[in-house]
Amino acid sequence: MKNSGFNKSLGLSYLSLFTSLGTIFCCALPALLVSIGLGATFASLVGVFPQIVWLSEHKVLVLSLSGVLIASSFILLYLNRNAPCPIDPDLAKACRFSRKWSIRILVLSSVFWFIGFAFGVIAPFVL
């Protein structure tokens, strides 16, 4: 299938988005809530979702895994940047749509990752 590179790229972009959301939950959200005086809200959030504690304890693993997935997405998108779309108008439209959304999702994933990295790795040394 000629469009398999785009399907891999879009799938990897979604996967990188969800793992980068993990960096938000492990690093950025706790720091934000505690810094604005909502420590009790964070404590009740941990009571409802105890997995946040695991994410926080393993933030190096979460940040590393999501960073590798985001970098892989960038590489796949770069390698497929000039790949042709199918001749069929419907498939060509779907190809352009998936290409556009893959880039958007990757940029959003990167923003989430950098926010999580800033709060999880840089902020503890600065503050």
PDB file of N, CA and C in Angstrom:
ATOM      1  N   MET A   1       0.846  -1.181   0.000  1.00  0.00           N
ATOM      2  CA  MET A   1       0.000   0.000   0.000  1.00  0.00           C
ATOM      3  C   MET A   1       0.888   1.240   0.000  1.00  0.00           C
ATOM      4  N   LYS A   2       0.680   2.130  -0.939  1.00  0.00           N
ATOM      5  CA  LYS A   2       1.544   3.287  -1.106  1.00  0.00           C
ATOM      6  C   LYS A   2       1.421   4.292   0.016  1.00  0.00           C
ATOM      7  N   ASN A   3       0.320   4.314   0.711  1.00  0.00           N
ATOM      8  CA  ASN A   3       0.073   5.329   1.732  1.00  0.00           C
ATOM      9  C   ASN A   3       0.428   4.836   3.131  1.00  0.00           C
ATOM     10  N   SER A   4       1.120   3.704   3.231  1.00  0.00           N
ATOM     11  CA  SER A   4       1.391   3.127   4.553  1.00  0.00           C
ATOM     12  C   SER A   4       2.306   4.002   5.399  1.00  0.00           C
ATOM     13  N   GLY A   5       3.186   4.770   4.781  1.00  0.00           N
ATOM     14  CA  GLY A   5       4.054   5.673   5.534  1.00  0.00           C
ATOM     15  C   GLY A   5       3.253   6.722   6.278  1.00  0.00           C
ATOM     16  N   PHE A   6       2.200   7.227   5.621  1.00  0.00           N
ATOM     17  CA  PHE A   6       1.359   8.226   6.273  1.00  0.00           C
ATOM     18  C   PHE A   6       0.554   7.603   7.401  1.00  0.00           C
ATOM     19  N   ASN A   7       0.086   6.369   7.222  1.00  0.00           N
ATOM     20  CA  ASN A   7      -0.660   5.703   8.284  1.00  0.00           C
ATOM     21  C   ASN A   7       0.233   5.465   9.492  1.00  0.00           C
ATOM     22  N   LYS A   8       1.476   5.050   9.266  1.00  0.00           N
ATOM     23  CA  LYS A   8       2.425   4.862  10.370  1.00  0.00           C
ATOM     24  C   LYS A   8       2.694   6.194  11.052  1.00  0.00           C
ATOM     25  N   SER A   9       2.877   7.227  10.240  1.00  0.00           N
ATOM     26  CA  SER A   9       3.179   8.546  10.776  1.00  0.00           C
ATOM     27  C   SER A   9       2.022   9.076  11.609  1.00  0.00           C
ATOM     28  N   LEU A  10       0.810   8.926  11.116  1.00  0.00           N
ATOM     29  CA  LEU A  10      -0.354   9.399  11.860  1.00  0.00           C
ATOM     30  C   LEU A  10      -0.536   8.593  13.136  1.00  0.00           C
ATOM     31  N   GLY A  11      -0.362   7.275  13.062  1.00  0.00           N
ATOM     32  CA  GLY A  11      -0.474   6.446  14.258  1.00  0.00           C
ATOM     33  C   GLY A  11       0.579   6.790  15.288  1.00  0.00           C
ATOM     34  N   LEU A  12       1.798   7.009  14.827  1.00  0.00           N
ATOM     35  CA  LEU A  12       2.878   7.376  15.744  1.00  0.00           C
ATOM     36  C   LEU A  12       2.639   8.764  16.327  1.00  0.00           C
ATOM     37  N   SER A  13       2.035   9.654  15.535  1.00  0.00           N
ATOM     38  CA  SER A  13       1.718  10.988  16.052  1.00  0.00           C
ATOM     39  C   SER A  13       0.680  10.893  17.166  1.00  0.00           C
ATOM     40  N   TYR A  14      -0.346  10.072  16.980  1.00  0.00           N
ATOM     41  CA  TYR A  14      -1.346   9.896  18.038  1.00  0.00           C
ATOM     42  C   TYR A  14      -0.708   9.271  19.281  1.00  0.00           C
ATOM     43  N   LEU A  15       0.143   8.277  19.081  1.00  0.00           N
ATOM     44  CA  LEU A  15       0.805   7.641  20.210  1.00  0.00           C
ATOM     45  C   LEU A  15       1.701   8.633  20.947  1.00  0.00           C
ATOM     46  N   SER A  16       2.410   9.462  20.192  1.00  0.00           N
ATOM     47  CA  SER A  16       3.262  10.460  20.843  1.00  0.00           C
ATOM     48  C   SER A  16       2.433  11.507  21.566  1.00  0.00           C
ATOM     49  N   LEU A  17       1.245  11.818  21.041  1.00  0.00           N
ATOM     50  CA  LEU A  17       0.355  12.759  21.730  1.00  0.00           C
ATOM     51  C   LEU A  17      -0.065  12.200  23.082  1.00  0.00           C
ATOM     52  N   PHE A  18      -0.469  10.948  23.114  1.00  0.00           N
ATOM     53  CA  PHE A  18      -0.930  10.368  24.375  1.00  0.00           C
ATOM     54  C   PHE A  18       0.202  10.178  25.372  1.00  0.00           C
ATOM     55  N   THR A  19       1.386   9.842  24.907  1.00  0.00           N
ATOM     56  CA  THR A  19       2.493   9.728  25.856  1.00  0.00           C
ATOM     57  C   THR A  19       2.951  11.097  26.338  1.00  0.00           C
ATOM     58  N   SER A  20       2.864  12.102  25.468  1.00  0.00           N
ATOM     59  CA  SER A  20       3.243  13.439  25.928  1.00  0.00           C
ATOM     60  C   SER A  20       2.207  13.997  26.899  1.00  0.00           C
ATOM     61  N   LEU A  21       0.964  13.552  26.786  1.00  0.00           N
ATOM     62  CA  LEU A  21      -0.027  13.923  27.796  1.00  0.00           C
ATOM     63  C   LEU A  21       0.359  13.343  29.154  1.00  0.00           C
ATOM     64  N   GLY A  22       1.023  12.195  29.142  1.00  0.00           N
ATOM     65  CA  GLY A  22       1.526  11.618  30.384  1.00  0.00           C
ATOM     66  C   GLY A  22       2.529  12.530  31.062  1.00  0.00           C
ATOM     67  N   THR A  23       3.322  13.258  30.261  1.00  0.00           N
ATOM     68  CA  THR A  23       4.274  14.192  30.856  1.00  0.00           C
ATOM     69  C   THR A  23       3.554  15.357  31.508  1.00  0.00           C
ATOM     70  N   ILE A  24       2.420  15.735  30.971  1.00  0.00           N
ATOM     71  CA  ILE A  24       1.625  16.797  31.590  1.00  0.00           C
ATOM     72  C   ILE A  24       1.132  16.322  32.959  1.00  0.00           C
ATOM     73  N   PHE A  25       0.609  15.085  33.006  1.00  0.00           N
ATOM     74  CA  PHE A  25       0.058  14.572  34.255  1.00  0.00           C
ATOM     75  C   PHE A  25       1.131  14.261  35.287  1.00  0.00           C
ATOM     76  N   CYS A  26       2.321  13.871  34.841  1.00  0.00           N
ATOM     77  CA  CYS A  26       3.355  13.519  35.816  1.00  0.00           C
ATOM     78  C   CYS A  26       4.107  14.734  36.329  1.00  0.00           C
ATOM     79  N   CYS A  27       4.233  15.740  35.523  1.00  0.00           N
ATOM     80  CA  CYS A  27       5.157  16.811  35.871  1.00  0.00           C
ATOM     81  C   CYS A  27       4.516  18.191  35.932  1.00  0.00           C
ATOM     82  N   ALA A  28       3.798  18.575  34.902  1.00  0.00           N
ATOM     83  CA  ALA A  28       3.291  19.946  34.823  1.00  0.00           C
ATOM     84  C   ALA A  28       2.065  20.170  35.698  1.00  0.00           C
ATOM     85  N   LEU A  29       1.109  19.272  35.658  1.00  0.00           N
ATOM     86  CA  LEU A  29      -0.132  19.451  36.413  1.00  0.00           C
ATOM     87  C   LEU A  29       0.105  19.514  37.924  1.00  0.00           C
ATOM     88  N   PRO A  30       0.877  18.601  38.517  1.00  0.00           N
ATOM     89  CA  PRO A  30       1.132  18.721  39.956  1.00  0.00           C
ATOM     90  C   PRO A  30       1.816  20.034  40.336  1.00  0.00           C
ATOM     91  N   ALA A  31       2.817  20.428  39.569  1.00  0.00           N
ATOM     92  CA  ALA A  31       3.522  21.671  39.887  1.00  0.00           C
ATOM     93  C   ALA A  31       2.609  22.884  39.742  1.00  0.00           C
ATOM     94  N   LEU A  32       1.786  22.888  38.720  1.00  0.00           N
ATOM     95  CA  LEU A  32       0.876  24.007  38.505  1.00  0.00           C
ATOM     96  C   LEU A  32      -0.140  24.111  39.634  1.00  0.00           C
ATOM     97  N   LEU A  33      -0.775  23.000  39.982  1.00  0.00           N
ATOM     98  CA  LEU A  33      -1.807  23.034  41.024  1.00  0.00           C
ATOM     99  C   LEU A  33      -1.231  23.432  42.381  1.00  0.00           C
ATOM    100  N   VAL A  34      -0.080  22.905  42.722  1.00  0.00           N
ATOM    101  CA  VAL A  34       0.520  23.240  44.013  1.00  0.00           C
ATOM    102  C   VAL A  34       1.004  24.686  44.023  1.00  0.00           C
ATOM    103  N   SER A  35       1.555  25.162  42.909  1.00  0.00           N
ATOM    104  CA  SER A  35       2.082  26.527  42.884  1.00  0.00           C
ATOM    105  C   SER A  35       0.996  27.594  42.944  1.00  0.00           C
ATOM    106  N   ILE A  36      -0.204  27.283  42.497  1.00  0.00           N
ATOM    107  CA  ILE A  36      -1.287  28.273  42.591  1.00  0.00           C
ATOM    108  C   ILE A  36      -2.171  28.043  43.816  1.00  0.00           C
ATOM    109  N   GLY A  37      -1.693  27.206  44.730  1.00  0.00           N
ATOM    110  CA  GLY A  37      -2.398  27.029  45.996  1.00  0.00           C
ATOM    111  C   GLY A  37      -3.507  26.010  45.976  1.00  0.00           C
ATOM    112  N   LEU A  38      -3.479  25.112  45.028  1.00  0.00           N
ATOM    113  CA  LEU A  38      -4.512  24.086  44.938  1.00  0.00           C
ATOM    114  C   LEU A  38      -3.951  22.707  45.270  1.00  0.00           C
ATOM    115  N   GLY A  39      -3.132  22.648  46.324  1.00  0.00           N
ATOM    116  CA  GLY A  39      -2.547  21.374  46.745  1.00  0.00           C
ATOM    117  C   GLY A  39      -3.603  20.362  47.160  1.00  0.00           C
ATOM    118  N   ALA A  40      -4.670  20.827  47.814  1.00  0.00           N
ATOM    119  CA  ALA A  40      -5.753  19.920  48.217  1.00  0.00           C
ATOM    120  C   ALA A  40      -6.475  19.364  46.995  1.00  0.00           C
ATOM    121  N   THR A  41      -6.606  20.173  45.972  1.00  0.00           N
ATOM    122  CA  THR A  41      -7.222  19.696  44.730  1.00  0.00           C
ATOM    123  C   THR A  41      -6.369  18.614  44.099  1.00  0.00           C
ATOM    124  N   PHE A  42      -5.065  18.824  44.118  1.00  0.00           N
ATOM    125  CA  PHE A  42      -4.178  17.803  43.582  1.00  0.00           C
ATOM    126  C   PHE A  42      -4.244  16.526  44.411  1.00  0.00           C
ATOM    127  N   ALA A  43      -4.321  16.665  45.737  1.00  0.00           N
ATOM    128  CA  ALA A  43      -4.419  15.487  46.604  1.00  0.00           C
ATOM    129  C   ALA A  43      -5.694  14.704  46.313  1.00  0.00           C
ATOM    130  N   SER A  44      -6.815  15.398  46.087  1.00  0.00           N
ATOM    131  CA  SER A  44      -8.053  14.689  45.759  1.00  0.00           C
ATOM    132  C   SER A  44      -7.992  14.090  44.363  1.00  0.00           C
ATOM    133  N   LEU A  45      -7.270  14.744  43.449  1.00  0.00           N
ATOM    134  CA  LEU A  45      -7.086  14.196  42.109  1.00  0.00           C
ATOM    135  C   LEU A  45      -6.293  12.898  42.169  1.00  0.00           C
ATOM    136  N   VAL A  46      -5.269  12.870  43.016  1.00  0.00           N
ATOM    137  CA  VAL A  46      -4.485  11.651  43.198  1.00  0.00           C
ATOM    138  C   VAL A  46      -5.344  10.559  43.837  1.00  0.00           C
ATOM    139  N   GLY A  47      -6.270  10.954  44.722  1.00  0.00           N
ATOM    140  CA  GLY A  47      -7.174   9.971  45.317  1.00  0.00           C
ATOM    141  C   GLY A  47      -8.077   9.323  44.292  1.00  0.00           C
ATOM    142  N   VAL A  48      -8.491  10.084  43.296  1.00  0.00           N
ATOM    143  CA  VAL A  48      -9.358   9.551  42.246  1.00  0.00           C
ATOM    144  C   VAL A  48      -8.548   8.799  41.192  1.00  0.00           C
ATOM    145  N   PHE A  49      -7.393   9.348  40.829  1.00  0.00           N
ATOM    146  CA  PHE A  49      -6.531   8.739  39.817  1.00  0.00           C
ATOM    147  C   PHE A  49      -5.156   8.441  40.418  1.00  0.00           C
ATOM    148  N   PRO A  50      -5.008   7.323  41.130  1.00  0.00           N
ATOM    149  CA  PRO A  50      -3.726   7.036  41.781  1.00  0.00           C
ATOM    150  C   PRO A  50      -2.590   6.754  40.798  1.00  0.00           C
ATOM    151  N   GLN A  51      -2.902   6.566  39.522  1.00  0.00           N
ATOM    152  CA  GLN A  51      -1.861   6.329  38.524  1.00  0.00           C
ATOM    153  C   GLN A  51      -0.965   7.548  38.343  1.00  0.00           C
ATOM    154  N   ILE A  52      -1.449   8.723  38.731  1.00  0.00           N
ATOM    155  CA  ILE A  52      -0.641   9.936  38.627  1.00  0.00           C
ATOM    156  C   ILE A  52       0.622   9.804  39.477  1.00  0.00           C
ATOM    157  N   VAL A  53       0.517   9.122  40.607  1.00  0.00           N
ATOM    158  CA  VAL A  53       1.682   8.926  41.470  1.00  0.00           C
ATOM    159  C   VAL A  53       2.732   8.080  40.749  1.00  0.00           C
ATOM    160  N   TRP A  54       2.292   7.018  40.060  1.00  0.00           N
ATOM    161  CA  TRP A  54       3.235   6.182  39.313  1.00  0.00           C
ATOM    162  C   TRP A  54       3.919   7.007  38.222  1.00  0.00           C
ATOM    163  N   LEU A  55       3.142   7.825  37.511  1.00  0.00           N
ATOM    164  CA  LEU A  55       3.729   8.664  36.464  1.00  0.00           C
ATOM    165  C   LEU A  55       4.762   9.619  37.057  1.00  0.00           C
ATOM    166  N   SER A  56       4.457  10.190  38.217  1.00  0.00           N
ATOM    167  CA  SER A  56       5.393  11.122  38.849  1.00  0.00           C
ATOM    168  C   SER A  56       6.660  10.416  39.330  1.00  0.00           C
ATOM    169  N   GLU A  57       6.504   9.208  39.851  1.00  0.00           N
ATOM    170  CA  GLU A  57       7.668   8.463  40.330  1.00  0.00           C
ATOM    171  C   GLU A  57       8.578   8.028  39.183  1.00  0.00           C
ATOM    172  N   HIS A  58       8.004   7.820  38.014  1.00  0.00           N
ATOM    173  CA  HIS A  58       8.758   7.344  36.853  1.00  0.00           C
ATOM    174  C   HIS A  58       8.808   8.404  35.751  1.00  0.00           C
ATOM    175  N   LYS A  59       8.965   9.664  36.138  1.00  0.00           N
ATOM    176  CA  LYS A  59       8.911  10.739  35.153  1.00  0.00           C
ATOM    177  C   LYS A  59      10.054  10.675  34.152  1.00  0.00           C
ATOM    178  N   VAL A  60      11.214  10.153  34.538  1.00  0.00           N
ATOM    179  CA  VAL A  60      12.317  10.023  33.584  1.00  0.00           C
ATOM    180  C   VAL A  60      11.942   9.032  32.489  1.00  0.00           C
ATOM    181  N   LEU A  61      11.337   7.919  32.873  1.00  0.00           N
ATOM    182  CA  LEU A  61      10.890   6.931  31.893  1.00  0.00           C
ATOM    183  C   LEU A  61       9.808   7.505  30.988  1.00  0.00           C
ATOM    184  N   VAL A  62       8.846   8.195  31.582  1.00  0.00           N
ATOM    185  CA  VAL A  62       7.747   8.774  30.805  1.00  0.00           C
ATOM    186  C   VAL A  62       8.278   9.817  29.831  1.00  0.00           C
ATOM    187  N   LEU A  63       9.143  10.711  30.309  1.00  0.00           N
ATOM    188  CA  LEU A  63       9.706  11.746  29.438  1.00  0.00           C
ATOM    189  C   LEU A  63      10.588  11.142  28.349  1.00  0.00           C
ATOM    190  N   SER A  64      11.363  10.136  28.680  1.00  0.00           N
ATOM    191  CA  SER A  64      12.239   9.505  27.687  1.00  0.00           C
ATOM    192  C   SER A  64      11.434   8.797  26.610  1.00  0.00           C
ATOM    193  N   LEU A  65      10.462   8.006  27.033  1.00  0.00           N
ATOM    194  CA  LEU A  65       9.638   7.266  26.067  1.00  0.00           C
ATOM    195  C   LEU A  65       8.876   8.212  25.151  1.00  0.00           C
ATOM    196  N   SER A  66       8.259   9.217  25.728  1.00  0.00           N
ATOM    197  CA  SER A  66       7.495  10.143  24.888  1.00  0.00           C
ATOM    198  C   SER A  66       8.421  10.966  23.992  1.00  0.00           C
ATOM    199  N   GLY A  67       9.607  11.306  24.480  1.00  0.00           N
ATOM    200  CA  GLY A  67      10.573  12.024  23.653  1.00  0.00           C
ATOM    201  C   GLY A  67      11.021  11.202  22.458  1.00  0.00           C
ATOM    202  N   VAL A  68      11.263   9.916  22.673  1.00  0.00           N
ATOM    203  CA  VAL A  68      11.655   9.027  21.574  1.00  0.00           C
ATOM    204  C   VAL A  68      10.514   8.904  20.560  1.00  0.00           C
ATOM    205  N   LEU A  69       9.287   8.772  21.045  1.00  0.00           N
ATOM    206  CA  LEU A  69       8.150   8.658  20.122  1.00  0.00           C
ATOM    207  C   LEU A  69       7.938   9.944  19.331  1.00  0.00           C
ATOM    208  N   ILE A  70       8.101  11.080  19.969  1.00  0.00           N
ATOM    209  CA  ILE A  70       7.946  12.348  19.265  1.00  0.00           C
ATOM    210  C   ILE A  70       9.053  12.511  18.227  1.00  0.00           C
ATOM    211  N   ALA A  71      10.276  12.188  18.595  1.00  0.00           N
ATOM    212  CA  ALA A  71      11.379  12.265  17.631  1.00  0.00           C
ATOM    213  C   ALA A  71      11.154  11.315  16.461  1.00  0.00           C
ATOM    214  N   SER A  72      10.651  10.122  16.735  1.00  0.00           N
ATOM    215  CA  SER A  72      10.340   9.167  15.667  1.00  0.00           C
ATOM    216  C   SER A  72       9.255   9.709  14.748  1.00  0.00           C
ATOM    217  N   SER A  73       8.274  10.369  15.312  1.00  0.00           N
ATOM    218  CA  SER A  73       7.222  10.967  14.495  1.00  0.00           C
ATOM    219  C   SER A  73       7.790  12.043  13.579  1.00  0.00           C
ATOM    220  N   PHE A  74       8.672  12.884  14.128  1.00  0.00           N
ATOM    221  CA  PHE A  74       9.309  13.910  13.297  1.00  0.00           C
ATOM    222  C   PHE A  74      10.087  13.274  12.153  1.00  0.00           C
ATOM    223  N   ILE A  75      10.814  12.217  12.442  1.00  0.00           N
ATOM    224  CA  ILE A  75      11.611  11.543  11.407  1.00  0.00           C
ATOM    225  C   ILE A  75      10.707  10.962  10.331  1.00  0.00           C
ATOM    226  N   LEU A  76       9.636  10.270  10.735  1.00  0.00           N
ATOM    227  CA  LEU A  76       8.722   9.696   9.749  1.00  0.00           C
ATOM    228  C   LEU A  76       8.048  10.771   8.903  1.00  0.00           C
ATOM    229  N   LEU A  77       7.628  11.847   9.535  1.00  0.00           N
ATOM    230  CA  LEU A  77       7.009  12.928   8.759  1.00  0.00           C
ATOM    231  C   LEU A  77       8.010  13.540   7.787  1.00  0.00           C
ATOM    232  N   TYR A  78       9.238  13.707   8.220  1.00  0.00           N
ATOM    233  CA  TYR A  78      10.254  14.278   7.342  1.00  0.00           C
ATOM    234  C   TYR A  78      10.538  13.354   6.159  1.00  0.00           C
ATOM    235  N   LEU A  79      10.667  12.061   6.425  1.00  0.00           N
ATOM    236  CA  LEU A  79      10.957  11.112   5.349  1.00  0.00           C
ATOM    237  C   LEU A  79       9.811  11.012   4.347  1.00  0.00           C
ATOM    238  N   ASN A  80       8.588  11.225   4.796  1.00  0.00           N
ATOM    239  CA  ASN A  80       7.419  11.116   3.921  1.00  0.00           C
ATOM    240  C   ASN A  80       6.909  12.463   3.433  1.00  0.00           C
ATOM    241  N   ARG A  81       7.670  13.519   3.598  1.00  0.00           N
ATOM    242  CA  ARG A  81       7.182  14.856   3.259  1.00  0.00           C
ATOM    243  C   ARG A  81       6.885  15.018   1.773  1.00  0.00           C
ATOM    244  N   ASN A  82       7.590  14.315   0.905  1.00  0.00           N
ATOM    245  CA  ASN A  82       7.376  14.435  -0.535  1.00  0.00           C
ATOM    246  C   ASN A  82       6.688  13.227  -1.135  1.00  0.00           C
ATOM    247  N   ALA A  83       6.191  12.346  -0.312  1.00  0.00           N
ATOM    248  CA  ALA A  83       5.516  11.156  -0.831  1.00  0.00           C
ATOM    249  C   ALA A  83       4.228  11.569  -1.535  1.00  0.00           C
ATOM    250  N   PRO A  84       3.961  10.983  -2.690  1.00  0.00           N
ATOM    251  CA  PRO A  84       2.757  11.375  -3.428  1.00  0.00           C
ATOM    252  C   PRO A  84       1.496  10.801  -2.794  1.00  0.00           C
ATOM    253  N   CYS A  85       0.419  11.521  -2.964  1.00  0.00           N
ATOM    254  CA  CYS A  85      -0.884  11.022  -2.548  1.00  0.00           C
ATOM    255  C   CYS A  85      -1.498  10.249  -3.714  1.00  0.00           C
ATOM    256  N   PRO A  86      -2.467   9.389  -3.448  1.00  0.00           N
ATOM    257  CA  PRO A  86      -3.095   8.611  -4.523  1.00  0.00           C
ATOM    258  C   PRO A  86      -3.791   9.508  -5.555  1.00  0.00           C
ATOM    259  N   ILE A  87      -4.040   8.960  -6.727  1.00  0.00           N
ATOM    260  CA  ILE A  87      -4.695   9.700  -7.806  1.00  0.00           C
ATOM    261  C   ILE A  87      -6.195   9.829  -7.545  1.00  0.00           C
ATOM    262  N   ASP A  88      -6.776   8.828  -6.936  1.00  0.00           N
ATOM    263  CA  ASP A  88      -8.215   8.862  -6.631  1.00  0.00           C
ATOM    264  C   ASP A  88      -8.515  10.102  -5.785  1.00  0.00           C
ATOM    265  N   PRO A  89      -9.496  10.923  -6.202  1.00  0.00           N
ATOM    266  CA  PRO A  89      -9.770  12.175  -5.479  1.00  0.00           C
ATOM    267  C   PRO A  89     -10.122  11.979  -4.001  1.00  0.00           C
ATOM    268  N   ASP A  90     -10.895  10.944  -3.692  1.00  0.00           N
ATOM    269  CA  ASP A  90     -11.263  10.708  -2.295  1.00  0.00           C
ATOM    270  C   ASP A  90     -10.048  10.301  -1.462  1.00  0.00           C
ATOM    271  N   LEU A  91      -9.232   9.427  -2.025  1.00  0.00           N
ATOM    272  CA  LEU A  91      -8.030   8.999  -1.309  1.00  0.00           C
ATOM    273  C   LEU A  91      -7.013  10.136  -1.207  1.00  0.00           C
ATOM    274  N   ALA A  92      -6.934  10.961  -2.241  1.00  0.00           N
ATOM    275  CA  ALA A  92      -6.024  12.107  -2.192  1.00  0.00           C
ATOM    276  C   ALA A  92      -6.454  13.095  -1.116  1.00  0.00           C
ATOM    277  N   LYS A  93      -7.754  13.299  -1.010  1.00  0.00           N
ATOM    278  CA  LYS A  93      -8.273  14.195   0.032  1.00  0.00           C
ATOM    279  C   LYS A  93      -7.962  13.633   1.419  1.00  0.00           C
ATOM    280  N   ALA A  94      -8.171  12.332   1.594  1.00  0.00           N
ATOM    281  CA  ALA A  94      -7.858  11.688   2.875  1.00  0.00           C
ATOM    282  C   ALA A  94      -6.365  11.766   3.174  1.00  0.00           C
ATOM    283  N   CYS A  95      -5.553  11.621   2.150  1.00  0.00           N
ATOM    284  CA  CYS A  95      -4.094  11.700   2.325  1.00  0.00           C
ATOM    285  C   CYS A  95      -3.683  13.095   2.786  1.00  0.00           C
ATOM    286  N   ARG A  96      -4.199  14.119   2.135  1.00  0.00           N
ATOM    287  CA  ARG A  96      -3.861  15.494   2.534  1.00  0.00           C
ATOM    288  C   ARG A  96      -4.386  15.801   3.929  1.00  0.00           C
ATOM    289  N   PHE A  97      -5.574  15.308   4.238  1.00  0.00           N
ATOM    290  CA  PHE A  97      -6.163  15.509   5.562  1.00  0.00           C
ATOM    291  C   PHE A  97      -5.297  14.858   6.635  1.00  0.00           C
ATOM    292  N   SER A  98      -4.892  13.608   6.407  1.00  0.00           N
ATOM    293  CA  SER A  98      -4.083  12.912   7.416  1.00  0.00           C
ATOM    294  C   SER A  98      -2.704  13.552   7.544  1.00  0.00           C
ATOM    295  N   ARG A  99      -2.141  14.038   6.454  1.00  0.00           N
ATOM    296  CA  ARG A  99      -0.837  14.710   6.501  1.00  0.00           C
ATOM    297  C   ARG A  99      -0.927  15.990   7.334  1.00  0.00           C
ATOM    298  N   LYS A 100      -1.982  16.765   7.099  1.00  0.00           N
ATOM    299  CA  LYS A 100      -2.161  18.027   7.824  1.00  0.00           C
ATOM    300  C   LYS A 100      -2.378  17.771   9.314  1.00  0.00           C
ATOM    301  N   TRP A 101      -3.228  16.803   9.653  1.00  0.00           N
ATOM    302  CA  TRP A 101      -3.511  16.533  11.060  1.00  0.00           C
ATOM    303  C   TRP A 101      -2.339  15.852  11.757  1.00  0.00           C
ATOM    304  N   SER A 102      -1.575  15.100  11.030  1.00  0.00           N
ATOM    305  CA  SER A 102      -0.396  14.475  11.619  1.00  0.00           C
ATOM    306  C   SER A 102       0.601  15.537  12.084  1.00  0.00           C
ATOM    307  N   ILE A 103       0.777  16.565  11.284  1.00  0.00           N
ATOM    308  CA  ILE A 103       1.681  17.659  11.661  1.00  0.00           C
ATOM    309  C   ILE A 103       1.130  18.407  12.868  1.00  0.00           C
ATOM    310  N   ARG A 104      -0.172  18.687  12.858  1.00  0.00           N
ATOM    311  CA  ARG A 104      -0.789  19.403  13.985  1.00  0.00           C
ATOM    312  C   ARG A 104      -0.653  18.619  15.287  1.00  0.00           C
ATOM    313  N   ILE A 105      -0.920  17.325  15.219  1.00  0.00           N
ATOM    314  CA  ILE A 105      -0.836  16.480  16.411  1.00  0.00           C
ATOM    315  C   ILE A 105       0.599  16.416  16.919  1.00  0.00           C
ATOM    316  N   LEU A 106       1.542  16.347  16.002  1.00  0.00           N
ATOM    317  CA  LEU A 106       2.950  16.293  16.394  1.00  0.00           C
ATOM    318  C   LEU A 106       3.395  17.589  17.061  1.00  0.00           C
ATOM    319  N   VAL A 107       2.961  18.713  16.537  1.00  0.00           N
ATOM    320  CA  VAL A 107       3.305  19.993  17.158  1.00  0.00           C
ATOM    321  C   VAL A 107       2.689  20.084  18.552  1.00  0.00           C
ATOM    322  N   LEU A 108       1.426  19.687  18.699  1.00  0.00           N
ATOM    323  CA  LEU A 108       0.773  19.689  20.005  1.00  0.00           C
ATOM    324  C   LEU A 108       1.495  18.748  20.977  1.00  0.00           C
ATOM    325  N   SER A 109       1.885  17.588  20.501  1.00  0.00           N
ATOM    326  CA  SER A 109       2.640  16.645  21.339  1.00  0.00           C
ATOM    327  C   SER A 109       3.953  17.255  21.799  1.00  0.00           C
ATOM    328  N   SER A 110       4.619  17.948  20.900  1.00  0.00           N
ATOM    329  CA  SER A 110       5.894  18.573  21.248  1.00  0.00           C
ATOM    330  C   SER A 110       5.711  19.661  22.293  1.00  0.00           C
ATOM    331  N   VAL A 111       4.660  20.443  22.168  1.00  0.00           N
ATOM    332  CA  VAL A 111       4.376  21.489  23.163  1.00  0.00           C
ATOM    333  C   VAL A 111       4.118  20.855  24.526  1.00  0.00           C
ATOM    334  N   PHE A 112       3.289  19.808  24.561  1.00  0.00           N
ATOM    335  CA  PHE A 112       3.021  19.114  25.824  1.00  0.00           C
ATOM    336  C   PHE A 112       4.305  18.542  26.413  1.00  0.00           C
ATOM    337  N   TRP A 113       5.150  17.978  25.565  1.00  0.00           N
ATOM    338  CA  TRP A 113       6.387  17.381  26.058  1.00  0.00           C
ATOM    339  C   TRP A 113       7.299  18.448  26.666  1.00  0.00           C
ATOM    340  N   PHE A 114       7.446  19.569  25.981  1.00  0.00           N
ATOM    341  CA  PHE A 114       8.313  20.629  26.507  1.00  0.00           C
ATOM    342  C   PHE A 114       7.764  21.216  27.809  1.00  0.00           C
ATOM    343  N   ILE A 115       6.448  21.317  27.942  1.00  0.00           N
ATOM    344  CA  ILE A 115       5.862  21.791  29.201  1.00  0.00           C
ATOM    345  C   ILE A 115       6.169  20.791  30.320  1.00  0.00           C
ATOM    346  N   GLY A 116       5.951  19.512  30.046  1.00  0.00           N
ATOM    347  CA  GLY A 116       6.252  18.485  31.038  1.00  0.00           C
ATOM    348  C   GLY A 116       7.724  18.442  31.387  1.00  0.00           C
ATOM    349  N   PHE A 117       8.593  18.597  30.392  1.00  0.00           N
ATOM    350  CA  PHE A 117      10.030  18.604  30.630  1.00  0.00           C
ATOM    351  C   PHE A 117      10.432  19.807  31.477  1.00  0.00           C
ATOM    352  N   ALA A 118       9.860  20.952  31.180  1.00  0.00           N
ATOM    353  CA  ALA A 118      10.187  22.167  31.939  1.00  0.00           C
ATOM    354  C   ALA A 118       9.805  22.016  33.393  1.00  0.00           C
ATOM    355  N   PHE A 119       8.607  21.509  33.652  1.00  0.00           N
ATOM    356  CA  PHE A 119       8.150  21.370  35.038  1.00  0.00           C
ATOM    357  C   PHE A 119       8.788  20.177  35.740  1.00  0.00           C
ATOM    358  N   GLY A 120       9.048  19.099  35.023  1.00  0.00           N
ATOM    359  CA  GLY A 120       9.567  17.890  35.657  1.00  0.00           C
ATOM    360  C   GLY A 120      11.054  17.833  35.831  1.00  0.00           C
ATOM    361  N   VAL A 121      11.793  18.479  34.927  1.00  0.00           N
ATOM    362  CA  VAL A 121      13.249  18.371  34.969  1.00  0.00           C
ATOM    363  C   VAL A 121      13.906  19.698  35.296  1.00  0.00           C
ATOM    364  N   ILE A 122      13.511  20.757  34.631  1.00  0.00           N
ATOM    365  CA  ILE A 122      14.176  22.053  34.816  1.00  0.00           C
ATOM    366  C   ILE A 122      13.719  22.760  36.080  1.00  0.00           C
ATOM    367  N   ALA A 123      12.425  22.802  36.329  1.00  0.00           N
ATOM    368  CA  ALA A 123      11.884  23.549  37.483  1.00  0.00           C
ATOM    369  C   ALA A 123      12.415  23.072  38.829  1.00  0.00           C
ATOM    370  N   PRO A 124      12.584  21.766  39.076  1.00  0.00           N
ATOM    371  CA  PRO A 124      13.123  21.371  40.391  1.00  0.00           C
ATOM    372  C   PRO A 124      14.519  21.916  40.677  1.00  0.00           C
ATOM    373  N   PHE A 125      15.313  22.146  39.629  1.00  0.00           N
ATOM    374  CA  PHE A 125      16.657  22.681  39.841  1.00  0.00           C
ATOM    375  C   PHE A 125      16.659  24.185  39.965  1.00  0.00           C
ATOM    376  N   VAL A 126      15.704  24.837  39.338  1.00  0.00           N
ATOM    377  CA  VAL A 126      15.638  26.301  39.355  1.00  0.00           C
ATOM    378  C   VAL A 126      14.952  26.803  40.617  1.00  0.00           C
ATOM    379  N   LEU A 127      13.886  26.127  41.014  1.00  0.00           N
ATOM    380  CA  LEU A 127      13.100  26.596  42.158  1.00  0.00           C
ATOM    381  C   LEU A 127      13.642  26.089  43.447  1.00  0.00           C
TER     382      LEU A 127
END
